[in-house]
Amino acid sequence: RDGVFLGGVIQPGVRTSAETLFRRTAKLTATELVAPAKVIGTRTEECIRAGVVFGAADSVTGIVNRIRASWPGGGTPKVIATGGLAAVIQAHCPVIELVEPDLTLHGLRMAHAMLQRA
């Protein structure tokens, strides 16, 4: 609220989780990470997509709800998703208010500009 970092959460990204799944299982091959039409898949690719995409969306919803419940000083934090698959997850995650795929790069640019002035 006042430009002060209160804390945060670090969670593996969607691609990182999926790549680990593909690398560490003998029979599962990589698939495009898009949401399937239904949660219960009948083909391996649909099952992977459902687990990865819906699992990530529900994980984000759960962690955001926990953060909101313990948010200091009242108010509600704004939830911004970033990264390459943020829009895919947002479509299934009602707590995400805004998608900004390049948020990290914007922050790095701002930090660089501040260091140049110092």
N, C-alpha and C. Protein backbone atom coordinates (compact mmCIF):
# COMPACT_ATOMS: atom_id res chain seq x y z
N ARG A 1 0.81 -1.19 0.00
CA ARG A 1 0.00 0.00 0.00
C ARG A 1 0.86 1.26 0.00
N ASP A 2 1.90 1.27 0.80
CA ASP A 2 2.77 2.44 0.88
C ASP A 2 4.08 2.22 0.13
N GLY A 3 4.10 1.29 -0.80
CA GLY A 3 5.32 1.00 -1.56
C GLY A 3 6.32 0.19 -0.76
N VAL A 4 5.87 -0.50 0.28
CA VAL A 4 6.74 -1.30 1.13
C VAL A 4 6.44 -2.78 0.90
N PHE A 5 7.49 -3.55 0.70
CA PHE A 5 7.34 -4.99 0.50
C PHE A 5 6.99 -5.64 1.83
N LEU A 6 5.85 -6.29 1.91
CA LEU A 6 5.39 -6.93 3.14
C LEU A 6 5.81 -8.38 3.23
N GLY A 7 6.12 -8.99 2.11
CA GLY A 7 6.45 -10.41 2.07
C GLY A 7 5.85 -11.01 0.83
N GLY A 8 6.00 -12.31 0.68
CA GLY A 8 5.47 -12.93 -0.53
C GLY A 8 5.50 -14.44 -0.46
N VAL A 9 5.31 -15.05 -1.59
CA VAL A 9 5.28 -16.50 -1.74
C VAL A 9 6.09 -16.85 -2.97
N ILE A 10 6.89 -17.89 -2.88
CA ILE A 10 7.61 -18.39 -4.05
C ILE A 10 7.07 -19.78 -4.35
N GLN A 11 6.64 -19.97 -5.58
CA GLN A 11 6.04 -21.23 -5.99
C GLN A 11 6.63 -21.61 -7.33
N PRO A 12 6.83 -22.90 -7.59
CA PRO A 12 7.33 -23.29 -8.91
C PRO A 12 6.37 -22.85 -10.01
N GLY A 13 6.91 -22.43 -11.12
CA GLY A 13 6.09 -22.02 -12.25
C GLY A 13 5.42 -23.21 -12.92
N VAL A 14 4.46 -22.90 -13.75
CA VAL A 14 3.69 -23.94 -14.44
C VAL A 14 4.61 -24.76 -15.36
N ARG A 15 5.45 -24.09 -16.13
CA ARG A 15 6.35 -24.82 -17.03
C ARG A 15 7.35 -25.66 -16.24
N THR A 16 7.88 -25.10 -15.17
CA THR A 16 8.84 -25.85 -14.34
C THR A 16 8.21 -27.12 -13.81
N SER A 17 7.00 -27.01 -13.30
CA SER A 17 6.30 -28.19 -12.78
C SER A 17 6.05 -29.22 -13.89
N ALA A 18 5.60 -28.75 -15.03
CA ALA A 18 5.31 -29.66 -16.14
C ALA A 18 6.59 -30.33 -16.64
N GLU A 19 7.66 -29.56 -16.79
CA GLU A 19 8.91 -30.13 -17.28
C GLU A 19 9.45 -31.18 -16.32
N THR A 20 9.29 -30.95 -15.03
CA THR A 20 9.71 -31.95 -14.05
C THR A 20 8.89 -33.22 -14.20
N LEU A 21 7.60 -33.07 -14.41
CA LEU A 21 6.73 -34.22 -14.63
C LEU A 21 7.20 -35.02 -15.85
N PHE A 22 7.49 -34.34 -16.95
CA PHE A 22 7.89 -35.02 -18.17
C PHE A 22 9.27 -35.69 -18.01
N ARG A 23 10.19 -35.02 -17.33
CA ARG A 23 11.54 -35.54 -17.17
C ARG A 23 11.61 -36.72 -16.22
N ARG A 24 10.77 -36.71 -15.20
CA ARG A 24 10.91 -37.69 -14.14
C ARG A 24 9.96 -38.88 -14.27
N THR A 25 9.20 -38.92 -15.34
CA THR A 25 8.34 -40.08 -15.59
C THR A 25 8.72 -40.67 -16.93
N ALA A 26 8.77 -41.97 -16.98
CA ALA A 26 9.27 -42.65 -18.17
C ALA A 26 8.31 -42.59 -19.35
N LYS A 27 7.04 -42.62 -19.12
CA LYS A 27 6.07 -42.77 -20.21
C LYS A 27 5.28 -41.51 -20.56
N LEU A 28 5.48 -40.43 -19.83
CA LEU A 28 4.71 -39.22 -20.13
C LEU A 28 5.55 -38.29 -20.99
N THR A 29 5.00 -37.92 -22.12
CA THR A 29 5.72 -37.03 -23.02
C THR A 29 5.19 -35.61 -22.90
N ALA A 30 6.03 -34.67 -23.27
CA ALA A 30 5.65 -33.26 -23.20
C ALA A 30 4.45 -32.99 -24.10
N THR A 31 3.61 -32.09 -23.65
CA THR A 31 2.43 -31.70 -24.40
C THR A 31 2.24 -30.19 -24.27
N GLU A 32 1.52 -29.60 -25.18
CA GLU A 32 1.24 -28.17 -25.11
C GLU A 32 0.41 -27.88 -23.86
N LEU A 33 0.77 -26.82 -23.14
CA LEU A 33 0.08 -26.50 -21.90
C LEU A 33 -1.07 -25.55 -22.16
N VAL A 34 -2.18 -26.13 -22.53
CA VAL A 34 -3.43 -25.42 -22.74
C VAL A 34 -4.49 -26.14 -21.90
N ALA A 35 -5.53 -25.42 -21.55
CA ALA A 35 -6.59 -26.04 -20.75
C ALA A 35 -7.39 -27.01 -21.61
N PRO A 36 -7.66 -28.19 -21.07
CA PRO A 36 -8.50 -29.13 -21.81
C PRO A 36 -9.97 -28.71 -21.69
N ALA A 37 -10.81 -29.33 -22.49
CA ALA A 37 -12.24 -29.00 -22.49
C ALA A 37 -12.92 -29.45 -21.20
N LYS A 38 -12.39 -30.47 -20.56
CA LYS A 38 -13.01 -30.99 -19.33
C LYS A 38 -11.91 -31.41 -18.35
N VAL A 39 -12.28 -31.49 -17.09
CA VAL A 39 -11.27 -31.79 -16.08
C VAL A 39 -10.87 -33.26 -16.07
N ILE A 40 -11.75 -34.15 -16.41
CA ILE A 40 -11.42 -35.57 -16.43
C ILE A 40 -11.08 -35.96 -17.85
N GLY A 41 -9.80 -36.16 -18.08
CA GLY A 41 -9.34 -36.49 -19.42
C GLY A 41 -9.50 -37.96 -19.74
N THR A 42 -9.59 -38.26 -21.02
CA THR A 42 -9.67 -39.65 -21.47
C THR A 42 -8.43 -40.06 -22.26
N ARG A 43 -7.60 -39.08 -22.61
CA ARG A 43 -6.33 -39.34 -23.28
C ARG A 43 -5.22 -38.78 -22.40
N THR A 44 -4.03 -39.35 -22.51
CA THR A 44 -2.92 -38.94 -21.66
C THR A 44 -2.68 -37.44 -21.72
N GLU A 45 -2.68 -36.86 -22.93
CA GLU A 45 -2.43 -35.42 -23.07
C GLU A 45 -3.47 -34.60 -22.32
N GLU A 46 -4.74 -34.99 -22.41
CA GLU A 46 -5.81 -34.28 -21.69
C GLU A 46 -5.62 -34.38 -20.18
N CYS A 47 -5.21 -35.54 -19.73
CA CYS A 47 -5.00 -35.76 -18.30
C CYS A 47 -3.86 -34.88 -17.78
N ILE A 48 -2.77 -34.81 -18.54
CA ILE A 48 -1.64 -33.96 -18.16
C ILE A 48 -2.08 -32.50 -18.14
N ARG A 49 -2.76 -32.08 -19.19
CA ARG A 49 -3.21 -30.68 -19.26
C ARG A 49 -4.13 -30.33 -18.10
N ALA A 50 -5.06 -31.21 -17.79
CA ALA A 50 -5.99 -30.95 -16.69
C ALA A 50 -5.22 -30.83 -15.37
N GLY A 51 -4.32 -31.75 -15.13
CA GLY A 51 -3.56 -31.72 -13.88
C GLY A 51 -2.69 -30.49 -13.76
N VAL A 52 -1.99 -30.14 -14.84
CA VAL A 52 -1.07 -29.01 -14.79
C VAL A 52 -1.82 -27.68 -14.76
N VAL A 53 -2.73 -27.46 -15.69
CA VAL A 53 -3.41 -26.16 -15.80
C VAL A 53 -4.39 -25.95 -14.65
N PHE A 54 -5.30 -26.89 -14.43
CA PHE A 54 -6.28 -26.72 -13.36
C PHE A 54 -5.62 -26.81 -11.98
N GLY A 55 -4.60 -27.65 -11.87
CA GLY A 55 -3.87 -27.74 -10.61
C GLY A 55 -3.19 -26.42 -10.27
N ALA A 56 -2.57 -25.78 -11.26
CA ALA A 56 -1.92 -24.48 -11.04
C ALA A 56 -2.95 -23.42 -10.68
N ALA A 57 -4.06 -23.39 -11.40
CA ALA A 57 -5.11 -22.39 -11.12
C ALA A 57 -5.65 -22.55 -9.71
N ASP A 58 -5.92 -23.78 -9.29
CA ASP A 58 -6.45 -24.00 -7.95
C ASP A 58 -5.40 -23.73 -6.88
N SER A 59 -4.14 -23.99 -7.19
CA SER A 59 -3.07 -23.67 -6.26
C SER A 59 -2.96 -22.17 -6.03
N VAL A 60 -3.03 -21.41 -7.12
CA VAL A 60 -2.98 -19.95 -7.01
C VAL A 60 -4.18 -19.44 -6.22
N THR A 61 -5.36 -19.94 -6.52
CA THR A 61 -6.56 -19.52 -5.79
C THR A 61 -6.40 -19.82 -4.30
N GLY A 62 -5.92 -20.99 -3.98
CA GLY A 62 -5.74 -21.36 -2.58
C GLY A 62 -4.74 -20.48 -1.85
N ILE A 63 -3.60 -20.22 -2.46
CA ILE A 63 -2.58 -19.42 -1.79
C ILE A 63 -3.02 -17.96 -1.67
N VAL A 64 -3.72 -17.44 -2.69
CA VAL A 64 -4.23 -16.07 -2.60
C VAL A 64 -5.27 -15.96 -1.49
N ASN A 65 -6.14 -16.95 -1.37
CA ASN A 65 -7.13 -16.91 -0.29
C ASN A 65 -6.46 -16.95 1.08
N ARG A 66 -5.39 -17.70 1.23
CA ARG A 66 -4.65 -17.73 2.50
C ARG A 66 -4.00 -16.37 2.78
N ILE A 67 -3.43 -15.78 1.74
CA ILE A 67 -2.80 -14.46 1.91
C ILE A 67 -3.85 -13.43 2.30
N ARG A 68 -4.97 -13.42 1.61
CA ARG A 68 -6.03 -12.46 1.93
C ARG A 68 -6.50 -12.61 3.38
N ALA A 69 -6.59 -13.85 3.85
CA ALA A 69 -7.05 -14.10 5.21
C ALA A 69 -6.08 -13.57 6.26
N SER A 70 -4.80 -13.44 5.91
CA SER A 70 -3.82 -12.98 6.89
C SER A 70 -3.20 -11.64 6.51
N TRP A 71 -3.81 -10.93 5.56
CA TRP A 71 -3.27 -9.66 5.08
C TRP A 71 -3.24 -8.64 6.22
N PRO A 72 -2.10 -8.05 6.50
CA PRO A 72 -1.99 -7.12 7.63
C PRO A 72 -2.68 -5.78 7.36
N GLY A 73 -3.27 -5.22 8.40
CA GLY A 73 -3.84 -3.87 8.32
C GLY A 73 -5.11 -3.74 7.52
N GLY A 74 -5.81 -4.82 7.28
CA GLY A 74 -7.03 -4.73 6.49
C GLY A 74 -6.73 -4.52 5.02
N GLY A 75 -7.75 -4.25 4.26
CA GLY A 75 -7.57 -4.07 2.82
C GLY A 75 -7.38 -5.41 2.12
N THR A 76 -7.23 -5.33 0.83
CA THR A 76 -7.06 -6.54 0.02
C THR A 76 -5.94 -6.31 -0.98
N PRO A 77 -5.02 -7.25 -1.09
CA PRO A 77 -3.94 -7.09 -2.06
C PRO A 77 -4.46 -7.26 -3.49
N LYS A 78 -3.83 -6.58 -4.43
CA LYS A 78 -4.16 -6.75 -5.84
C LYS A 78 -3.39 -7.96 -6.35
N VAL A 79 -4.06 -8.83 -7.08
CA VAL A 79 -3.45 -10.07 -7.56
C VAL A 79 -3.12 -9.92 -9.04
N ILE A 80 -1.83 -9.94 -9.34
CA ILE A 80 -1.34 -9.78 -10.71
C ILE A 80 -0.57 -11.04 -11.07
N ALA A 81 -0.93 -11.64 -12.18
CA ALA A 81 -0.23 -12.82 -12.66
C ALA A 81 0.80 -12.39 -13.70
N THR A 82 1.95 -13.03 -13.66
CA THR A 82 3.01 -12.70 -14.60
C THR A 82 3.59 -13.98 -15.16
N GLY A 83 4.26 -13.87 -16.28
CA GLY A 83 4.88 -15.04 -16.89
C GLY A 83 4.14 -15.46 -18.14
N GLY A 84 4.76 -16.35 -18.87
CA GLY A 84 4.27 -16.74 -20.17
C GLY A 84 2.93 -17.46 -20.20
N LEU A 85 2.59 -18.17 -19.13
CA LEU A 85 1.32 -18.90 -19.12
C LEU A 85 0.28 -18.25 -18.20
N ALA A 86 0.53 -17.02 -17.80
CA ALA A 86 -0.38 -16.34 -16.87
C ALA A 86 -1.80 -16.25 -17.42
N ALA A 87 -1.94 -15.95 -18.69
CA ALA A 87 -3.28 -15.82 -19.27
C ALA A 87 -4.01 -17.16 -19.31
N VAL A 88 -3.28 -18.24 -19.53
CA VAL A 88 -3.89 -19.58 -19.54
C VAL A 88 -4.45 -19.89 -18.16
N ILE A 89 -3.68 -19.57 -17.13
CA ILE A 89 -4.10 -19.84 -15.76
C ILE A 89 -5.23 -18.90 -15.35
N GLN A 90 -5.15 -17.62 -15.72
CA GLN A 90 -6.17 -16.64 -15.34
C GLN A 90 -7.56 -17.07 -15.78
N ALA A 91 -7.66 -17.68 -16.93
CA ALA A 91 -8.97 -18.09 -17.45
C ALA A 91 -9.68 -19.08 -16.52
N HIS A 92 -8.92 -19.69 -15.61
CA HIS A 92 -9.49 -20.70 -14.70
C HIS A 92 -9.24 -20.35 -13.24
N CYS A 93 -8.88 -19.10 -13.00
CA CYS A 93 -8.48 -18.67 -11.65
C CYS A 93 -9.14 -17.33 -11.34
N PRO A 94 -10.27 -17.34 -10.68
CA PRO A 94 -11.04 -16.11 -10.47
C PRO A 94 -10.36 -15.06 -9.59
N VAL A 95 -9.32 -15.42 -8.86
CA VAL A 95 -8.69 -14.44 -7.97
C VAL A 95 -7.68 -13.54 -8.70
N ILE A 96 -7.28 -13.92 -9.90
CA ILE A 96 -6.33 -13.09 -10.66
C ILE A 96 -7.07 -11.91 -11.25
N GLU A 97 -6.61 -10.70 -10.90
CA GLU A 97 -7.26 -9.48 -11.36
C GLU A 97 -6.65 -8.93 -12.64
N LEU A 98 -5.39 -9.18 -12.85
CA LEU A 98 -4.68 -8.59 -13.98
C LEU A 98 -3.56 -9.52 -14.41
N VAL A 99 -3.33 -9.61 -15.71
CA VAL A 99 -2.19 -10.35 -16.24
C VAL A 99 -1.20 -9.34 -16.80
N GLU A 100 0.03 -9.44 -16.36
CA GLU A 100 1.12 -8.58 -16.86
C GLU A 100 2.31 -9.50 -17.12
N PRO A 101 2.39 -10.06 -18.34
CA PRO A 101 3.41 -11.07 -18.65
C PRO A 101 4.84 -10.58 -18.45
N ASP A 102 5.07 -9.28 -18.59
CA ASP A 102 6.43 -8.75 -18.51
C ASP A 102 6.70 -7.98 -17.22
N LEU A 103 5.97 -8.26 -16.17
CA LEU A 103 6.11 -7.52 -14.92
C LEU A 103 7.54 -7.57 -14.37
N THR A 104 8.17 -8.72 -14.43
CA THR A 104 9.54 -8.85 -13.93
C THR A 104 10.49 -7.97 -14.72
N LEU A 105 10.32 -7.95 -16.03
CA LEU A 105 11.18 -7.10 -16.86
C LEU A 105 10.96 -5.62 -16.57
N HIS A 106 9.72 -5.22 -16.33
CA HIS A 106 9.43 -3.83 -15.96
C HIS A 106 10.14 -3.47 -14.65
N GLY A 107 10.08 -4.38 -13.70
CA GLY A 107 10.74 -4.15 -12.42
C GLY A 107 12.25 -4.03 -12.57
N LEU A 108 12.83 -4.88 -13.40
CA LEU A 108 14.28 -4.79 -13.64
C LEU A 108 14.66 -3.48 -14.31
N ARG A 109 13.82 -3.03 -15.24
CA ARG A 109 14.07 -1.75 -15.91
C ARG A 109 14.02 -0.61 -14.91
N MET A 110 13.04 -0.64 -14.02
CA MET A 110 12.93 0.40 -13.00
C MET A 110 14.13 0.38 -12.05
N ALA A 111 14.54 -0.82 -11.65
CA ALA A 111 15.70 -0.93 -10.77
C ALA A 111 16.96 -0.40 -11.43
N HIS A 112 17.12 -0.72 -12.71
CA HIS A 112 18.29 -0.23 -13.45
C HIS A 112 18.27 1.29 -13.52
N ALA A 113 17.12 1.86 -13.80
CA ALA A 113 17.00 3.32 -13.88
C ALA A 113 17.33 3.97 -12.54
N MET A 114 16.88 3.36 -11.45
CA MET A 114 17.18 3.91 -10.13
C MET A 114 18.66 3.83 -9.82
N LEU A 115 19.30 2.76 -10.21
CA LEU A 115 20.74 2.61 -9.98
C LEU A 115 21.55 3.61 -10.81
N GLN A 116 21.05 3.93 -11.98
CA GLN A 116 21.74 4.89 -12.84
C GLN A 116 21.71 6.28 -12.23
N ARG A 117 20.64 6.61 -11.52
CA ARG A 117 20.51 7.93 -10.90
C ARG A 117 21.32 8.04 -9.61
N ALA A 118 21.59 6.90 -9.00
CA ALA A 118 22.29 6.90 -7.69
C ALA A 118 23.77 7.19 -7.83
